[in-house]
Structure formats: C-alpha cells, structure tokens
Protein backbone atom coordinates (compact mmCIF):
# COMPACT_ATOMS: atom_id res chain seq x y z
CA MET A 1 -129.44 16.60 261.12
CA THR A 2 -128.82 20.23 260.10
CA GLN A 3 -132.03 22.18 259.65
CA PRO A 4 -132.36 24.15 256.39
CA SER A 5 -132.19 27.91 256.35
CA LEU A 6 -135.61 29.50 255.99
CA PRO A 7 -136.90 32.78 254.60
CA ALA A 8 -137.69 35.47 257.13
CA THR A 9 -141.39 35.32 256.28
CA SER A 10 -143.13 31.98 256.77
CA THR A 11 -145.97 31.07 254.45
CA ARG A 12 -148.40 28.50 255.79
CA ALA A 13 -149.70 25.85 253.45
CA PRO A 14 -152.99 26.96 251.90
CA TYR A 15 -156.25 25.15 252.58
CA MET A 16 -156.41 22.32 250.08
CA SER A 17 -159.24 22.63 247.57
CA ARG A 18 -161.27 19.69 246.30
CA PRO A 19 -159.42 19.56 242.93
CA HIS A 20 -156.21 19.01 244.87
CA PHE A 21 -157.84 15.91 246.35
CA ALA A 22 -158.75 14.54 242.89
CA PRO A 23 -157.58 10.92 242.64
CA ASP A 24 -154.42 10.60 240.60
CA PRO A 25 -152.62 7.24 240.84
CA LEU A 26 -149.59 8.71 239.07
CA ASP A 27 -149.30 11.64 241.47
CA PRO A 28 -150.67 10.57 244.88
CA LEU A 29 -150.95 12.72 247.99
CA LEU A 30 -148.33 12.16 250.68
CA THR A 31 -148.30 12.90 254.36
CA THR A 32 -145.39 14.95 255.66
CA ARG A 33 -143.92 11.77 257.16
CA GLU A 34 -144.05 9.97 253.81
CA ALA A 35 -142.45 12.98 252.12
CA ALA A 36 -139.66 12.98 254.73
CA MET A 37 -138.99 9.29 254.12
CA ARG A 38 -138.78 9.84 250.38
CA LEU A 39 -136.43 12.80 250.75
CA GLY A 40 -134.27 11.18 253.41
CA VAL A 41 -134.76 14.05 255.87
CA SER A 42 -136.44 14.45 259.23
CA LEU A 43 -140.15 15.07 259.63
CA ARG A 44 -139.41 18.46 261.19
CA THR A 45 -137.37 19.47 258.14
CA VAL A 46 -140.29 18.77 255.82
CA GLN A 47 -142.62 20.70 258.12
CA LEU A 48 -140.28 23.69 258.00
CA TRP A 49 -140.03 23.49 254.20
CA VAL A 50 -143.82 23.46 253.96
CA GLU A 51 -144.13 26.45 256.32
CA ALA A 52 -141.56 28.33 254.26
CA GLY A 53 -143.27 27.55 250.98
CA THR A 54 -140.24 25.60 249.76
CA LEU A 55 -142.40 22.49 249.45
CA PRO A 56 -145.91 23.23 248.12
CA ALA A 57 -148.62 21.62 250.20
CA GLY A 58 -152.22 21.98 251.21
CA ARG A 59 -154.30 21.27 254.27
CA THR A 60 -157.17 18.84 254.58
CA PRO A 61 -160.43 20.00 256.22
CA GLY A 62 -159.04 18.42 259.38
CA GLY A 63 -155.92 20.57 259.19
CA HIS A 64 -153.48 17.86 258.08
CA ARG A 65 -150.86 18.69 255.48
CA ARG A 66 -150.80 16.78 252.19
CA ILE A 67 -148.10 17.04 249.54
CA ARG A 68 -148.20 15.83 245.95
CA LEU A 69 -145.59 13.24 245.03
CA SER A 70 -144.58 15.37 242.03
CA ALA A 71 -143.72 18.27 244.39
CA VAL A 72 -141.52 15.99 246.51
CA GLU A 73 -139.70 14.62 243.46
CA ALA A 74 -139.24 18.11 242.03
CA LEU A 75 -137.65 19.29 245.29
CA ALA A 76 -135.44 16.20 245.39
CA GLN A 77 -134.22 16.93 241.88
CA ARG A 78 -133.63 20.64 242.53
CA SER A 79 -131.80 20.12 245.79
CA GLY A 80 -129.90 16.96 244.91
CA LEU A 81 -131.66 15.03 247.66
CA ARG A 82 -132.02 11.35 247.00
CA ALA A 83 -135.62 10.19 247.21
CA ALA A 84 -136.06 7.10 249.32
CA ALA A 85 -138.31 5.64 246.65
CA GLN A 86 -138.20 6.30 242.94
CA SER A 87 -141.80 5.73 241.89
CA SER A 88 -145.31 5.97 243.24
CA GLN A 89 -145.43 2.17 243.25
CA SER A 90 -143.63 2.16 246.58
CA LEU A 91 -146.59 3.96 248.13
CA GLN A 92 -148.98 1.19 247.22
CA PRO A 93 -149.85 -1.03 250.18
CA VAL A 94 -148.04 -4.34 250.20
CA ILE A 95 -150.66 -7.04 249.76
CA THR A 96 -149.69 -10.28 251.42
CA PRO A 97 -150.79 -13.39 249.52
CA LEU A 98 -153.73 -15.21 251.06
CA ASP A 99 -152.51 -18.12 253.17
CA VAL A 100 -154.20 -21.35 252.02
CA LEU A 101 -153.68 -24.57 253.98
CA LEU A 102 -154.41 -27.90 252.30
CA VAL A 103 -154.97 -30.89 254.58
CA ALA A 104 -155.36 -33.95 252.36
CA ALA A 105 -155.90 -37.60 253.11
CA SER A 106 -153.03 -38.74 250.86
CA VAL A 107 -149.99 -37.55 248.94
CA ASP A 108 -151.82 -37.95 245.63
CA GLN A 109 -154.80 -35.89 246.75
CA LEU A 110 -152.52 -33.13 248.03
CA GLN A 111 -150.65 -33.01 244.72
CA VAL A 112 -153.88 -32.73 242.73
CA TRP A 113 -155.04 -29.78 244.85
CA GLN A 114 -151.65 -28.06 244.65
CA GLU A 115 -151.58 -28.36 240.86
CA ALA A 116 -155.13 -26.99 240.60
CA LEU A 117 -154.15 -23.91 242.60
CA MET A 118 -150.87 -23.20 240.80
CA PRO A 119 -152.44 -20.57 238.47
CA LEU A 120 -153.25 -18.51 241.58
CA ASN A 121 -149.65 -18.36 242.83
CA GLY A 122 -148.86 -14.79 243.78
CA VAL A 123 -152.30 -13.99 245.14
CA ILE A 124 -152.26 -17.05 247.38
CA ALA A 125 -149.50 -18.87 249.26
CA VAL A 126 -150.17 -22.59 249.59
CA ARG A 127 -149.11 -24.82 252.47
CA GLY A 128 -149.85 -28.51 252.45
CA ALA A 129 -150.15 -31.60 254.63
CA ASN A 130 -150.86 -35.11 253.40
CA ASN A 131 -152.36 -36.33 256.69
CA GLY A 132 -154.43 -34.94 259.53
CA TYR A 133 -151.68 -34.99 262.13
CA THR A 134 -149.34 -32.84 260.04
CA GLY A 135 -152.30 -30.63 259.20
CA LEU A 136 -152.94 -29.95 262.89
CA LEU A 137 -149.29 -29.02 263.35
CA GLN A 138 -149.57 -26.56 260.44
CA LEU A 139 -152.73 -25.08 261.93
CA GLY A 140 -150.99 -24.60 265.25
CA ARG A 141 -148.02 -22.95 263.61
CA LYS A 142 -150.09 -20.30 261.82
CA THR A 143 -153.82 -19.69 261.35
CA PRO A 144 -154.51 -19.80 257.61
CA ASP A 145 -156.91 -17.53 255.76
CA LEU A 146 -158.47 -20.50 253.99
CA LEU A 147 -158.50 -24.19 254.87
CA ILE A 148 -159.22 -26.99 252.41
CA THR A 149 -159.51 -30.39 254.03
CA ASP A 150 -160.72 -33.92 253.46
CA LEU A 151 -163.05 -35.11 256.21
CA ALA A 152 -162.02 -38.76 255.78
CA MET A 153 -158.44 -38.71 257.01
CA PRO A 154 -157.12 -42.02 258.42
CA ASP A 155 -155.48 -40.49 261.49
CA ILE A 156 -157.83 -37.60 262.39
CA ASP A 157 -161.60 -37.22 262.66
CA GLY A 158 -162.23 -34.36 260.23
CA TYR A 159 -165.63 -33.54 261.76
CA ALA A 160 -164.20 -33.28 265.26
CA MET A 161 -161.30 -31.17 263.98
CA LEU A 162 -163.57 -28.59 262.32
CA LEU A 163 -166.01 -28.41 265.22
CA THR A 164 -163.13 -27.93 267.64
CA LEU A 165 -161.57 -25.18 265.49
CA ALA A 166 -164.94 -23.37 265.26
CA GLY A 167 -165.03 -23.18 269.05
CA LEU A 168 -161.59 -21.57 269.33
CA HIS A 169 -161.36 -17.79 269.07
CA ASP A 170 -158.28 -17.79 266.81
CA TYR A 171 -160.04 -20.00 264.25
CA SER A 172 -163.66 -18.86 264.60
CA ALA A 173 -163.55 -16.77 261.39
CA LEU A 174 -161.68 -19.39 259.36
CA ARG A 175 -163.23 -20.10 255.95
CA VAL A 176 -163.19 -23.82 255.18
CA LEU A 177 -163.81 -26.06 252.18
CA ALA A 178 -164.52 -29.63 253.27
CA ILE A 179 -164.30 -32.53 250.84
CA THR A 180 -166.34 -35.64 251.70
CA ALA A 181 -168.04 -38.68 250.24
CA HIS A 182 -170.78 -38.40 252.88
CA THR A 183 -174.29 -37.35 251.91
CA PRO A 184 -175.94 -34.34 253.56
CA GLN A 185 -177.97 -36.76 255.69
CA GLN A 186 -174.82 -38.54 256.88
CA ILE A 187 -173.23 -35.19 257.72
CA ALA A 188 -176.29 -34.23 259.76
CA GLU A 189 -176.14 -37.55 261.59
CA ARG A 190 -172.54 -36.74 262.55
CA GLY A 191 -173.70 -33.52 264.16
CA GLY A 192 -173.30 -31.23 261.15
CA LEU A 193 -170.51 -28.79 260.38
CA PRO A 194 -169.79 -25.16 261.36
CA GLU A 195 -171.54 -22.41 259.40
CA ARG A 196 -168.40 -21.20 257.64
CA VAL A 197 -167.68 -24.62 256.17
CA ARG A 198 -168.55 -25.15 252.50
CA VAL A 199 -168.98 -28.81 251.59
CA LEU A 200 -168.16 -30.46 248.26
CA HIS A 201 -169.19 -34.06 247.80
CA GLN A 202 -166.92 -36.64 246.20
CA PRO A 203 -166.01 -37.10 243.44
CA VAL A 204 -164.73 -33.51 243.37
CA PRO A 205 -162.90 -32.26 240.26
CA ALA A 206 -159.78 -30.28 241.10
CA ILE A 207 -161.14 -27.24 239.26
CA ALA A 208 -163.97 -27.04 241.83
CA VAL A 209 -161.38 -26.50 244.56
CA ARG A 210 -159.81 -23.66 242.59
CA THR A 211 -163.23 -22.16 241.85
CA TRP A 212 -163.98 -22.00 245.58
CA VAL A 213 -160.67 -20.26 246.28
CA GLU A 214 -161.33 -17.77 243.46
CA GLY A 215 -164.74 -17.05 245.01
CA GLU A 216 -163.12 -16.33 248.36
CA LEU A 217 -160.58 -14.04 246.68
CA ALA A 218 -163.42 -12.16 244.98
CA ARG A 219 -165.28 -11.88 248.31
CA LEU A 220 -162.20 -10.22 249.77
CA GLY A 221 -161.74 -7.94 246.77
CA ARG A 222 -158.55 -9.68 245.72
CA THR A 223 -159.58 -11.21 242.42
CA PRO A 224 -156.48 -12.30 240.50
CA HIS A 225 -155.57 -10.68 237.21
CA PRO A 226 -157.28 -12.47 234.27
CA ALA A 227 -153.86 -13.34 232.82
CA LEU A 228 -153.28 -15.61 235.81
CA LEU A 229 -156.41 -17.59 235.08
CA GLY A 230 -155.72 -18.35 231.45
C-alpha cells in the first residue's frame, strides 16, 4: 500500500483532555486500528496521518492515541476514501443471544416452554429436546448458558444428570431451572440438588419459566427491551 505524502514538520497528537473523553454514543472514540479499518488503509498510514496532523487525535494518560469517529468520517469524505463502516453502530459490540437449552419430558411440555419463551427471541436462542437422551446429546454438543429441565424424564435420572454436570468443569457454572413434582423433603431424600439449580414445583405455569429466564437476563445485564415483553 502506498504511504501518503507528509508535511515536512510532524505534529504529534496533543494530550487528550478530559472533555475529549466525554461519553458520546454518536461520536465514539476509536483506536488507530479501528480508524484504519474504517478508512480501508493500513495501521501505519493512520499513524502517519495522526503524526502529520492530517487526522486529529489525542493521547490517553497511558499514551495511546484516540480518534473521534467524526474526524475519521470527515477525512474519508475529504479524501474520497471509503469507510469500512458507515455508522457508529458497527462499533457496538455484537451481543450473542443467550443459549437456552430445554430438556423436557414430552413433546407437549417442550412446546409449552418454547411458546412461553417466544417473546424473548433475539435476546435468547432456544434449543430443545423432548427426552433426556437427546438432551444429553445437546449438552455434549454445546454448553448452554441456561438449562431448563424436568427431573422426571422416563429415560434419564434428572437428579443424577444435574449432580454429574455440577461435578464437571465445563458445566460447573451452568444456571439451571429444574421442574419437579417432588416436595423439598423428597428432593433432600434424593441427595439434594446443586447450588445453582433453582427448583419450581409442579404444576408450573409456563409464565414462571419465562420469568426465571428474564431474571437471569437481568442478572447478566441483558434485560430485553420492554417492547419484547408486551
């Protein structure tokens, strides 16, 4: 890539004052690498433009250059360079939907849970299994963020499954909602359940399942937009 011609006198980017750091979602601060990606040039080219004063920038207390998005777009417009991204939205971190695995005891139960969680589509991605065996296969394929399971599956001991998962490093932090008809005393007689397991006792309305998921989203700071919950 051809390096741009530079003035004879190089002007270093000034120390960035606190006002320059003021939060502005419409005009965020970019690193030199982010600016280079937007302008479609090399990192070294952007560094040279900053040194020459062609691209206004400032320095953080740690000595790192920061450039306002508006300055990058202004340079792109003046020079005819095509920005790699057209809006500040592209700088926002991509938030992956929370992976929720449903392991039900029947097709009907799975469908009820899926329908209850439909309003949260976009902030969660739902996978489902209508029996314990398929649920184990799904767990082995990918560790979910949240697991909702019935403890009374005909082909799998739900208690043993959760206790086993709690002892495995990859699943030790897994948040679980367990649905059961057993009383707290009966659960204790079975040896109890891991600490991270929340228990709902049958009969459980579908909205209670959604409420638990919403609580987990809030705990993670990913509360869905109110329009989704209407």
